[in-house]
Protein backbone atom coordinates (compact mmCIF):
# COMPACT_ATOMS: atom_id res chain seq x y z
CA UNK A 1 132.27 199.52 80.73
CA UNK A 2 131.11 196.31 80.16
CA UNK A 3 129.49 196.19 76.08
CA UNK A 4 125.66 194.97 75.45
CA UNK A 5 124.61 193.97 72.21
CA UNK A 6 120.86 193.32 71.51
CA UNK A 7 120.40 190.71 68.81
CA UNK A 8 117.58 188.11 66.91
CA UNK A 9 118.05 186.05 64.24
CA UNK A 10 114.84 187.65 61.94
CA UNK A 11 113.04 190.64 62.62
CA UNK A 12 109.51 191.69 64.34
CA UNK A 13 110.29 189.44 68.01
CA UNK A 14 110.89 192.50 69.90
CA UNK A 15 114.38 192.50 69.78
CA UNK A 16 114.16 196.81 70.21
CA UNK A 17 111.37 197.27 72.82
CA UNK A 18 113.65 194.39 74.85
CA UNK A 19 116.77 196.56 73.84
CA UNK A 20 115.15 199.96 75.34
CA UNK A 21 112.81 198.73 78.61
CA UNK A 22 116.72 197.55 79.31
CA UNK A 23 118.11 200.55 79.06
CA UNK A 24 115.95 202.11 81.28
CA UNK A 25 116.20 199.60 83.75
CA UNK A 26 119.99 200.42 83.84
CA UNK A 27 119.28 204.14 84.75
CA UNK A 28 116.84 203.12 87.59
CA UNK A 29 119.77 201.28 88.89
CA UNK A 30 121.51 204.45 88.67
CA UNK A 31 123.97 202.67 85.98
CA UNK A 32 125.65 205.08 83.47
CA UNK A 33 124.61 204.72 79.98
CA UNK A 34 124.96 205.25 76.50
CA UNK A 35 122.61 203.40 73.92
CA UNK A 36 123.39 202.96 70.52
CA UNK A 37 121.10 202.18 67.35
CA UNK A 38 123.27 199.45 65.26
CA UNK A 39 119.50 199.15 63.27
CA UNK A 40 121.18 201.71 60.71
CA UNK A 41 118.54 200.26 57.96
CA UNK A 42 115.52 200.72 60.25
CA UNK A 43 116.78 203.10 63.70
CA UNK A 44 114.02 203.13 66.11
CA UNK A 45 115.55 203.07 69.62
CA UNK A 46 115.80 206.69 70.08
CA UNK A 47 112.07 206.65 68.91
CA UNK A 48 111.14 204.41 72.78
CA UNK A 49 114.00 205.70 74.33
CA UNK A 50 112.13 209.37 73.64
CA UNK A 51 114.84 211.07 72.42
CA UNK A 52 115.57 214.71 71.99
CA UNK A 53 114.76 217.12 69.22
CA UNK A 54 116.95 220.09 71.01
CA UNK A 55 120.39 219.02 70.78
CA UNK A 56 120.23 216.95 68.05
CA UNK A 57 123.18 216.36 66.43
CA UNK A 58 123.76 214.62 62.59
CA UNK A 59 126.96 213.87 60.96
CA UNK A 60 127.40 212.65 57.96
CA UNK A 61 130.06 209.98 57.05
CA UNK A 62 131.69 208.24 54.24
CA UNK A 63 130.99 204.02 54.17
CA UNK A 64 131.34 203.77 50.69
CA UNK A 65 132.83 204.34 47.61
CA UNK A 66 131.00 204.62 43.57
CA UNK A 67 132.95 204.94 40.62
CA UNK A 68 133.09 208.07 39.16
CA UNK A 69 134.31 208.98 34.54
CA UNK A 70 137.24 210.99 33.64
CA UNK A 71 135.03 212.27 30.99
CA UNK A 72 137.92 214.43 29.50
CA UNK A 73 140.18 210.47 29.61
CA UNK A 74 137.18 208.63 28.00
CA UNK A 75 137.21 206.99 24.35
CA UNK A 76 133.38 205.94 24.62
CA UNK A 77 135.22 202.16 24.11
CA UNK A 78 132.39 201.12 26.88
CA UNK A 79 134.63 198.58 28.59
CA UNK A 80 133.72 199.65 31.67
CA UNK A 81 129.62 199.01 30.17
CA UNK A 82 130.29 195.43 29.32
CA UNK A 83 132.97 194.55 32.55
CA UNK A 84 130.24 195.62 34.87
CA UNK A 85 128.68 192.78 37.01
CA UNK A 86 126.13 195.55 38.53
CA UNK A 87 125.16 196.51 35.89
CA UNK A 88 126.12 200.42 37.15
CA UNK A 89 126.98 201.40 34.14
CA UNK A 90 125.28 201.96 30.59
CA UNK A 91 126.33 203.93 27.89
CA UNK A 92 123.53 205.06 25.35
CA UNK A 93 125.12 207.70 23.17
CA UNK A 94 128.36 206.37 22.01
CA UNK A 95 129.31 209.26 21.26
CA UNK A 96 129.34 210.12 25.26
CA UNK A 97 130.94 208.48 28.05
CA UNK A 98 128.98 206.12 29.77
CA UNK A 99 126.71 207.31 32.72
CA UNK A 100 127.39 205.85 36.07
CA UNK A 101 123.90 204.35 37.92
CA UNK A 102 124.93 205.33 41.91
CA UNK A 103 122.70 202.90 43.50
CA UNK A 104 123.75 200.27 41.79
CA UNK A 105 127.41 200.71 41.56
CA UNK A 106 128.46 198.76 44.60
CA UNK A 107 132.15 200.46 44.25
CA UNK A 108 134.27 197.07 43.12
CA UNK A 109 136.65 199.16 41.65
CA UNK A 110 136.64 196.09 38.38
CA UNK A 111 135.84 198.69 36.07
CA UNK A 112 138.71 201.39 37.35
CA UNK A 113 141.61 198.10 36.69
CA UNK A 114 139.49 197.71 33.11
CA UNK A 115 140.03 200.68 31.45
CA UNK A 116 142.10 201.32 29.18
CA UNK A 117 142.07 204.99 29.43
CA UNK A 118 142.35 205.09 33.24
CA UNK A 119 139.59 207.27 32.82
CA UNK A 120 137.16 206.13 36.01
CA UNK A 121 138.30 206.48 39.95
CA UNK A 122 136.42 205.22 42.75
CA UNK A 123 135.67 207.79 45.52
CA UNK A 124 134.95 207.55 49.09
CA UNK A 125 131.24 209.02 48.59
CA UNK A 126 128.75 209.52 52.05
CA UNK A 127 126.18 207.21 52.49
CA UNK A 128 125.45 207.33 56.05
CA UNK A 129 124.92 209.44 59.14
CA UNK A 130 125.56 208.85 63.03
CA UNK A 131 122.72 211.05 65.05
CA UNK A 132 123.53 211.47 68.71
CA UNK A 133 120.08 213.30 70.76
CA UNK A 134 119.49 212.19 74.28
CA UNK A 135 117.24 210.23 76.19
CA UNK A 136 114.44 213.00 77.12
CA UNK A 137 113.82 211.93 80.57
CA UNK A 138 116.93 210.60 82.14
CA UNK A 139 119.53 212.40 80.12
CA UNK A 140 122.28 210.20 78.57
CA UNK A 141 123.32 209.69 75.39
CA UNK A 142 121.65 208.08 72.45
CA UNK A 143 123.95 207.49 68.70
CA UNK A 144 121.98 206.24 65.85
CA UNK A 145 123.55 205.90 62.87
CA UNK A 146 121.38 205.44 59.53
CA UNK A 147 122.43 204.63 56.21
CA UNK A 148 121.22 206.29 53.08
CA UNK A 149 117.96 205.17 50.85
CA UNK A 150 119.19 202.55 47.70
CA UNK A 151 122.84 203.11 49.38
CA UNK A 152 125.20 200.18 50.78
CA UNK A 153 127.85 198.87 52.87
CA UNK A 154 125.19 198.63 56.41
CA UNK A 155 128.43 196.63 58.31
CA UNK A 156 130.25 200.13 58.26
CA UNK A 157 128.42 201.90 59.02
CA UNK A 158 127.48 199.60 62.86
CA UNK A 159 131.35 199.63 62.25
CA UNK A 160 131.22 203.48 62.49
CA UNK A 161 128.35 204.42 64.69
CA UNK A 162 130.14 201.78 67.57
CA UNK A 163 133.53 204.03 67.48
CA UNK A 164 131.24 206.66 67.80
CA UNK A 165 129.14 204.79 70.78
CA UNK A 166 132.79 204.01 72.43
CA UNK A 167 134.29 207.10 72.52
CA UNK A 168 131.26 208.94 74.33
CA UNK A 169 131.00 206.06 77.16
CA UNK A 170 134.75 206.77 77.53
CA UNK A 171 133.73 210.84 77.23
CA UNK A 172 130.54 210.63 80.08
CA UNK A 173 132.88 207.36 82.15
CA UNK A 174 129.61 204.53 81.10
CA UNK A 175 129.49 201.66 82.81
CA UNK A 176 126.78 200.67 80.12
CA UNK A 177 127.12 200.64 76.26
CA UNK A 178 123.73 199.07 75.31
CA UNK A 179 123.46 198.27 71.40
CA UNK A 180 120.70 197.66 69.86
CA UNK A 181 121.41 195.60 66.94
CA UNK A 182 119.91 194.77 63.46
CA UNK A 183 117.35 191.57 62.68
CA UNK A 184 119.32 188.55 60.62
CA UNK A 185 122.80 187.52 60.78
CA UNK A 186 124.06 189.46 57.85
CA UNK A 187 126.80 192.24 57.86
CA UNK A 188 125.70 194.61 60.33
CA UNK A 189 124.63 192.01 62.92
CA UNK A 190 128.54 190.84 63.04
CA UNK A 191 129.70 194.27 63.44
CA UNK A 192 127.11 195.70 66.23
CA UNK A 193 128.34 191.87 67.92
CA UNK A 194 132.16 192.35 67.27
CA UNK A 195 134.01 193.92 70.38
CA UNK A 196 131.08 192.98 72.41
CA UNK A 197 130.84 191.43 75.80
CA UNK A 198 127.74 190.24 76.04
CA UNK A 199 125.01 189.55 73.31
CA UNK A 200 121.42 189.08 74.49
CA UNK A 201 119.23 186.64 71.90
CA UNK A 202 115.18 187.97 71.31
CA UNK A 203 113.47 185.37 70.11
CA UNK A 204 109.77 183.88 70.02
CA UNK A 205 108.42 180.36 70.10
CA UNK A 206 107.84 180.13 66.57
CA UNK A 207 109.43 177.79 63.82
CA UNK A 208 111.26 179.93 61.54
CA UNK A 209 112.00 182.41 64.98
CA UNK A 210 113.36 179.01 66.07
CA UNK A 211 115.47 178.12 63.04
CA UNK A 212 116.88 182.52 63.65
CA UNK A 213 117.89 181.54 66.94
CA UNK A 214 120.23 178.64 65.56
CA UNK A 215 121.54 180.46 63.04
CA UNK A 216 122.54 184.00 65.34
CA UNK A 217 123.57 181.37 67.82
CA UNK A 218 126.17 179.77 66.36
CA UNK A 219 127.55 183.25 65.23
CA UNK A 220 128.03 184.53 67.85
CA UNK A 221 129.97 181.14 69.16
CA UNK A 222 132.84 182.39 67.16
CA UNK A 223 133.54 185.63 69.31
CA UNK A 224 134.48 185.89 72.95
CA UNK A 225 131.37 187.10 74.77
CA UNK A 226 128.16 185.37 77.12
CA UNK A 227 125.06 184.65 75.58
CA UNK A 228 121.63 185.75 77.23
CA UNK A 229 118.14 183.97 75.68
CA UNK A 230 115.24 186.59 76.01
CA UNK A 231 112.25 184.15 74.57
CA UNK A 232 109.78 187.19 74.22
CA UNK A 233 105.15 185.75 73.93
CA UNK A 234 106.95 183.03 75.24
CA UNK A 235 102.52 181.67 75.98
CA UNK A 236 102.18 181.48 71.90
CA UNK A 237 103.94 178.16 71.62
CA UNK A 238 105.68 175.19 73.88
CA UNK A 239 106.92 172.92 71.92
CA UNK A 240 108.19 175.83 70.46
CA UNK A 241 109.35 176.90 73.42
CA UNK A 242 110.71 173.82 74.26
CA UNK A 243 112.75 173.21 71.54
CA UNK A 244 114.23 176.76 71.87
CA UNK A 245 115.22 176.14 75.35
CA UNK A 246 116.98 172.76 74.52
CA UNK A 247 119.04 174.38 72.22
CA UNK A 248 119.57 177.17 74.58
CA UNK A 249 121.09 173.87 76.78
CA UNK A 250 123.22 171.68 73.96
CA UNK A 251 124.79 175.59 73.23
CA UNK A 252 125.80 177.11 77.18
CA UNK A 253 123.57 179.50 76.37
CA UNK A 254 122.40 181.70 79.38
CA UNK A 255 118.32 181.48 79.44
CA UNK A 256 117.67 185.59 80.82
CA UNK A 257 114.00 184.72 80.80
CA UNK A 258 110.75 184.73 79.24
CA UNK A 259 107.99 187.30 78.10
CA UNK A 260 104.82 186.87 78.34
CA UNK A 261 102.62 187.61 75.86
CA UNK A 262 100.46 191.35 76.86
CA UNK A 263 98.36 193.09 75.52
CA UNK A 264 99.68 196.32 77.33
CA UNK A 265 103.36 195.78 74.91
CA UNK A 266 101.47 196.84 71.37
CA UNK A 267 99.32 199.70 73.11
CA UNK A 268 103.27 201.46 74.42
CA UNK A 269 104.66 200.12 70.95
CA UNK A 270 101.88 202.93 69.95
CA UNK A 271 103.09 205.44 72.26
CA UNK A 272 106.75 204.96 71.99
CA UNK A 273 107.37 204.24 75.20
CA UNK A 274 108.57 201.09 76.98
CA UNK A 275 106.42 199.31 78.61
CA UNK A 276 107.89 199.38 81.60
CA UNK A 277 107.22 202.70 82.11
CA UNK A 278 104.31 202.36 79.89
CA UNK A 279 102.76 199.50 81.97
CA UNK A 280 105.11 199.68 85.21
CA UNK A 281 102.76 196.47 86.85
CA UNK A 282 102.48 194.24 83.87
CA UNK A 283 103.66 190.95 83.11
CA UNK A 284 105.75 192.22 80.42
CA UNK A 285 107.08 194.88 81.90
CA UNK A 286 107.94 192.44 85.40
CA UNK A 287 109.46 190.13 83.40
CA UNK A 288 112.01 192.70 81.92
CA UNK A 289 112.84 194.04 85.54
CA UNK A 290 113.90 189.80 86.27
CA UNK A 291 115.92 189.81 83.17
CA UNK A 292 117.33 193.08 83.70
CA UNK A 293 118.64 191.60 86.86
CA UNK A 294 119.78 188.33 86.25
CA UNK A 295 121.44 190.32 83.39
CA UNK A 296 123.08 192.57 86.12
CA UNK A 297 123.92 189.64 88.08
CA UNK A 298 126.35 187.97 84.86
CA UNK A 299 127.69 191.35 84.38
CA UNK A 300 128.67 191.41 87.60
CA UNK A 301 126.82 194.69 88.39
CA UNK A 302 124.51 192.91 91.92
């Protein structure tokens, strides 16, 4: 099995649209597939892949820790209030135990260590969920991770859902585990890339996206995997595209292809459908088919 992760150094460059299109194109090649959405702060791959509502399963998972005050031991000394660097503990009434503000607490444990009465415990809490569903047309599994509003630990959720995705891929004897990673370069992205065989970096020819491409390329090079580049909306600014291609050349990044600006793409997103099925003969869809072919060659599927 090959594990392929689609990332972007910034949001809004078409990462999920590319991932959804590749999933459909892989299935058209009769490859056994599991799709996984590791953008846990804003998961929407299942929307573009028309996930079924029936058979959908949600499992809550413990991915973070919080402090809890044991009222029977607390002497109201206020040491925890003073020590909390996140301002997550308050004590409105000095005659009562302090109050933990859950969405501010990082679970660092500092308050528990400093409490003279050992009146604070750090406990695991359920801060996210894993959603299992299937594509409505081809029936391939879709695994989605989602972090609860205000919770931290998105990197931990990504690690957990990738574990679930790999288990599902083994169960169905998948050829490819296709992961839609988070935008940016933070913990969720690093967790998504870890253990993969190939990473696809989606960017666009703008100055900000070019800088983001440099950052994510630098991170990807720390992992033993293949790196490919897809330039979306490639014809909007030629000077930036030239610079991006030069960065790719200097860093030995494989150029998988370019996708031209195509008015069909926003219409396909509005219909919650990948461009390769919404308008299969459109310029963007034709380019994505070529990109899929090159990627499969690199992965040695053709």
